[in-house]
């Protein structure tokens, strides 16, 4: 049995991944932005562990990380939470800064999984001019999270660090008319989080297959 923490697991892909993992017998620690979303998890899942914290608030991120660490060592963390239709400032905080902060604040697990997007090639690298006021657009946030994952894959040789593009999935965040199902968008995360054969790092996956990503993400001098 694996112990797995999933950010943004109150609905959509995060919740579906959690359900699949629990069905396999694993222990899942849920995350919700606020109490209202936490209540939705309890209604859906019954008696489970839910940690509440707004990933756009740096102090709440620190508190969340401390609470996770108090639960003991994790096998896997899935950085699933993300924003799309909102301000560039909020996208920067939740899609980029929150995963970074949680990665360095939470005790190192065996596996780290970040959620990417096929929109990342449209992102623009502008490291020297990053600011909360300007923020970043969605495509750039997914390019940065890919670069972040590749950095940790190089730095932490004892951790399997990978990125998953879940596809265009029928969720509230994307579009309920999207072509990919929740099962399509969740299977890779479940496999990477638990399978003993999934011992690779620095890879980019789409629907259970390793695939290419933009060469921009390999620019370590950016």
Protein backbone atom coordinates (compact mmCIF):
# COMPACT_ATOMS: atom_id res chain seq x y z
CA UNK A 1 0.00 0.00 0.00
CA UNK A 2 1.28 3.46 -0.95
CA UNK A 3 0.65 6.73 0.91
CA UNK A 4 -0.12 9.42 -1.66
CA UNK A 5 -0.85 13.14 -1.35
CA UNK A 6 -2.77 14.83 -4.18
CA UNK A 7 -3.19 18.60 -4.41
CA UNK A 8 -6.43 19.90 -5.86
CA UNK A 9 -8.26 16.65 -5.20
CA UNK A 10 -11.73 17.96 -4.39
CA UNK A 11 -13.03 17.48 -7.94
CA UNK A 12 -12.07 16.79 -11.55
CA UNK A 13 -8.98 14.76 -12.38
CA UNK A 14 -7.56 14.99 -8.86
CA UNK A 15 -10.63 13.45 -7.26
CA UNK A 16 -10.87 10.75 -9.94
CA UNK A 17 -7.20 9.79 -9.47
CA UNK A 18 -7.81 9.58 -5.73
CA UNK A 19 -10.80 7.30 -6.23
CA UNK A 20 -8.82 4.99 -8.50
CA UNK A 21 -5.96 4.79 -6.00
CA UNK A 22 -8.25 4.07 -3.06
CA UNK A 23 -9.98 1.38 -5.10
CA UNK A 24 -6.55 -0.26 -5.50
CA UNK A 25 -6.07 -0.20 -1.73
CA UNK A 26 -3.76 2.80 -1.35
CA UNK A 27 -3.99 5.53 1.28
CA UNK A 28 -4.77 8.97 -0.18
CA UNK A 29 -4.38 12.29 1.56
CA UNK A 30 -6.73 14.76 -0.08
CA UNK A 31 -6.28 18.51 -0.48
CA UNK A 32 -9.00 21.14 -0.73
CA UNK A 33 -8.72 24.89 -1.19
CA UNK A 34 -11.31 25.66 1.50
CA UNK A 35 -13.79 24.11 3.90
CA UNK A 36 -16.60 24.09 1.33
CA UNK A 37 -14.54 21.96 -1.04
CA UNK A 38 -13.40 19.76 1.84
CA UNK A 39 -17.04 19.04 2.67
CA UNK A 40 -17.55 17.96 -0.93
CA UNK A 41 -14.73 15.43 -0.54
CA UNK A 42 -16.25 14.05 2.66
CA UNK A 43 -19.63 13.77 0.94
CA UNK A 44 -18.06 11.88 -1.98
CA UNK A 45 -15.54 9.75 -0.09
CA UNK A 46 -16.68 9.41 3.50
CA UNK A 47 -14.05 9.25 6.23
CA UNK A 48 -10.78 10.31 4.58
CA UNK A 49 -7.91 12.64 5.47
CA UNK A 50 -8.32 16.11 3.95
CA UNK A 51 -5.86 18.98 4.34
CA UNK A 52 -7.23 22.45 3.65
CA UNK A 53 -5.09 25.23 2.23
CA UNK A 54 -5.30 27.97 -0.38
CA UNK A 55 -2.38 27.51 -2.78
CA UNK A 56 -2.45 31.18 -3.72
CA UNK A 57 -1.58 32.10 -0.12
CA UNK A 58 2.07 31.54 0.81
CA UNK A 59 1.41 31.25 4.54
CA UNK A 60 -1.28 28.64 3.94
CA UNK A 61 1.13 26.72 1.71
CA UNK A 62 3.67 26.63 4.55
CA UNK A 63 1.00 25.49 7.01
CA UNK A 64 -0.22 22.83 4.57
CA UNK A 65 3.31 21.47 4.08
CA UNK A 66 3.82 21.27 7.85
CA UNK A 67 0.58 19.36 8.27
CA UNK A 68 1.55 16.91 5.53
CA UNK A 69 4.95 16.32 7.14
CA UNK A 70 3.26 15.58 10.45
CA UNK A 71 1.50 12.64 8.79
CA UNK A 72 4.79 10.85 8.16
CA UNK A 73 6.71 10.02 5.02
CA UNK A 74 4.90 9.81 1.70
CA UNK A 75 5.46 7.44 -1.18
CA UNK A 76 4.13 9.81 -3.85
CA UNK A 77 3.03 13.42 -4.27
CA UNK A 78 0.88 14.38 -7.25
CA UNK A 79 0.94 18.13 -7.87
CA UNK A 80 -2.45 18.20 -9.55
CA UNK A 81 -3.88 21.59 -8.53
CA UNK A 82 -3.98 24.22 -11.25
CA UNK A 83 -5.80 27.25 -12.60
CA UNK A 84 -6.69 28.15 -16.18
CA UNK A 85 -9.38 30.81 -16.63
CA UNK A 86 -8.14 33.42 -14.16
CA UNK A 87 -5.56 36.17 -13.68
CA UNK A 88 -1.91 35.71 -14.60
CA UNK A 89 -0.98 36.49 -10.99
CA UNK A 90 -3.15 33.64 -9.65
CA UNK A 91 -1.89 31.26 -12.33
CA UNK A 92 1.71 32.04 -11.37
CA UNK A 93 1.03 31.44 -7.68
CA UNK A 94 -0.98 28.22 -7.95
CA UNK A 95 0.54 26.58 -11.05
CA UNK A 96 4.20 27.44 -10.47
CA UNK A 97 5.08 28.83 -7.06
CA UNK A 98 2.86 26.50 -5.00
CA UNK A 99 4.29 23.27 -6.52
CA UNK A 100 7.80 24.63 -6.05
CA UNK A 101 7.21 25.58 -2.41
CA UNK A 102 5.52 22.29 -1.59
CA UNK A 103 8.30 20.33 -3.28
CA UNK A 104 10.98 21.90 -1.10
CA UNK A 105 8.92 22.10 2.12
CA UNK A 106 7.43 18.60 2.22
CA UNK A 107 9.73 15.73 3.14
CA UNK A 108 11.05 14.14 -0.02
CA UNK A 109 8.84 11.26 -1.26
CA UNK A 110 9.86 8.37 -3.50
CA UNK A 111 7.93 9.78 -6.45
CA UNK A 112 6.92 13.24 -7.64
CA UNK A 113 4.35 13.76 -10.37
CA UNK A 114 3.59 17.15 -11.90
CA UNK A 115 0.72 17.94 -14.25
CA UNK A 116 1.75 19.42 -17.59
CA UNK A 117 -0.12 20.47 -20.72
CA UNK A 118 0.34 20.24 -24.47
CA UNK A 119 0.10 24.05 -24.41
CA UNK A 120 3.55 24.34 -22.80
CA UNK A 121 5.41 24.84 -26.15
CA UNK A 122 3.58 28.18 -26.45
CA UNK A 123 5.08 29.36 -23.16
CA UNK A 124 7.75 32.03 -23.02
CA UNK A 125 10.81 31.88 -20.76
CA UNK A 126 11.44 35.17 -19.02
CA UNK A 127 13.02 34.21 -15.71
CA UNK A 128 14.66 37.57 -15.02
CA UNK A 129 11.39 39.48 -15.19
CA UNK A 130 9.16 37.22 -13.11
CA UNK A 131 6.94 39.07 -10.65
CA UNK A 132 3.70 38.47 -8.81
CA UNK A 133 2.21 41.60 -10.35
CA UNK A 134 2.83 40.46 -13.92
CA UNK A 135 2.42 36.75 -13.34
CA UNK A 136 2.43 34.28 -16.24
CA UNK A 137 -0.13 32.90 -18.66
CA UNK A 138 -1.26 29.27 -18.54
CA UNK A 139 1.06 28.02 -21.29
CA UNK A 140 4.08 29.61 -19.63
CA UNK A 141 3.10 28.18 -16.24
CA UNK A 142 3.12 24.68 -17.73
CA UNK A 143 6.49 25.30 -19.40
CA UNK A 144 7.91 26.42 -16.06
CA UNK A 145 6.51 23.44 -14.17
CA UNK A 146 8.08 21.15 -16.76
CA UNK A 147 11.42 22.92 -16.31
CA UNK A 148 11.02 22.62 -12.54
CA UNK A 149 10.38 18.89 -12.76
CA UNK A 150 13.43 18.37 -14.97
CA UNK A 151 15.53 20.31 -12.46
CA UNK A 152 14.45 18.09 -9.56
CA UNK A 153 14.95 14.97 -11.70
CA UNK A 154 18.57 16.05 -12.22
CA UNK A 155 19.09 17.13 -8.59
CA UNK A 156 17.39 14.26 -6.72
CA UNK A 157 18.67 10.99 -8.12
CA UNK A 158 16.81 9.01 -5.46
CA UNK A 159 13.37 10.31 -6.50
CA UNK A 160 11.38 9.43 -9.62
CA UNK A 161 10.21 12.80 -10.98
CA UNK A 162 7.92 12.97 -14.01
CA UNK A 163 5.35 15.12 -15.78
CA UNK A 164 1.95 13.99 -17.08
CA UNK A 165 -0.06 15.69 -19.79
CA UNK A 166 -3.57 14.43 -18.97
CA UNK A 167 -4.97 15.59 -22.30
CA UNK A 168 -8.07 17.68 -22.91
CA UNK A 169 -10.32 16.14 -20.30
CA UNK A 170 -14.02 16.67 -19.68
CA UNK A 171 -13.82 18.69 -16.44
CA UNK A 172 -15.08 21.97 -15.04
CA UNK A 173 -11.67 23.60 -15.61
CA UNK A 174 -11.40 22.73 -19.28
CA UNK A 175 -14.59 21.84 -21.08
CA UNK A 176 -17.30 19.23 -20.55
CA UNK A 177 -17.31 18.70 -24.32
CA UNK A 178 -13.60 17.78 -24.37
CA UNK A 179 -12.68 14.50 -26.08
CA UNK A 180 -10.81 12.78 -23.22
CA UNK A 181 -12.55 11.09 -20.30
CA UNK A 182 -11.55 11.36 -16.65
CA UNK A 183 -10.24 7.82 -16.90
CA UNK A 184 -8.07 8.81 -19.89
CA UNK A 185 -6.67 11.77 -17.99
CA UNK A 186 -6.01 9.86 -14.77
CA UNK A 187 -4.57 6.47 -15.71
CA UNK A 188 -0.99 7.70 -16.16
CA UNK A 189 -0.84 9.36 -12.74
CA UNK A 190 -2.13 6.19 -11.08
CA UNK A 191 0.44 4.07 -12.90
CA UNK A 192 3.39 6.37 -12.12
CA UNK A 193 2.32 6.73 -8.49
CA UNK A 194 2.11 3.03 -7.70
CA UNK A 195 3.57 0.68 -10.29
CA UNK A 196 6.84 -1.01 -9.38
CA UNK A 197 7.85 -0.96 -13.05
CA UNK A 198 7.45 2.83 -13.30
CA UNK A 199 10.99 3.58 -12.17
CA UNK A 200 12.04 6.35 -14.53
CA UNK A 201 12.69 10.04 -14.04
CA UNK A 202 12.79 13.24 -16.06
CA UNK A 203 10.14 11.95 -18.47
CA UNK A 204 7.02 13.45 -20.04
CA UNK A 205 3.96 11.22 -20.41
CA UNK A 206 0.67 11.34 -22.28
CA UNK A 207 -1.90 8.56 -21.88
CA UNK A 208 0.57 6.01 -20.48
CA UNK A 209 3.16 6.67 -23.17
CA UNK A 210 6.39 8.63 -22.90
CA UNK A 211 6.27 11.47 -25.42
CA UNK A 212 8.35 14.42 -26.57
CA UNK A 213 8.23 17.85 -24.99
CA UNK A 214 9.44 21.28 -26.10
CA UNK A 215 13.22 21.60 -26.22
CA UNK A 216 12.78 24.99 -24.53
CA UNK A 217 12.36 23.13 -21.24
CA UNK A 218 15.96 21.86 -21.49
CA UNK A 219 17.45 25.35 -21.44
CA UNK A 220 19.22 25.16 -18.06
CA UNK A 221 20.77 28.60 -18.63
CA UNK A 222 17.40 30.32 -18.98
